Amino acid sequence: MLSEQKIIFKESVFTQELDGEMVLFDMESEHYFGLDETGTVMWQLLQEKRELTEVLSLLLEQYEVEERILKKDLLHFLDKLQENGLIEVTAKAV
């Protein structure tokens, strides 16, 4: 559930925005990753807010898409970031 998750960004990941897109470099793995415009917006909102429900609400304001589709896309994005070791998704402390 989105409200019960917290994002932890790895300190080894450096970012640079270029022409509306984001390039990520993981110092540990020495791999580069590229984010398109939507991925860049998601990454920036996650860093600013870190509350997934708030990020989803802000994305819904920016994009004309059904909430269920956007939620699925956001969760897929988080899964890919986590699979590549760029973030950790943990249960939010109560």
Foldseek 3Di string as FASTA:
>chain_A
DQQFKFKAFDPQWDWDDDPQKIWIARNVVRDIDIGHNVLVLLVVLCVVPRRRVVSLVVVVVVDPDDSVVSVVVSVVSVVVCVVVPRIDMDGDDD
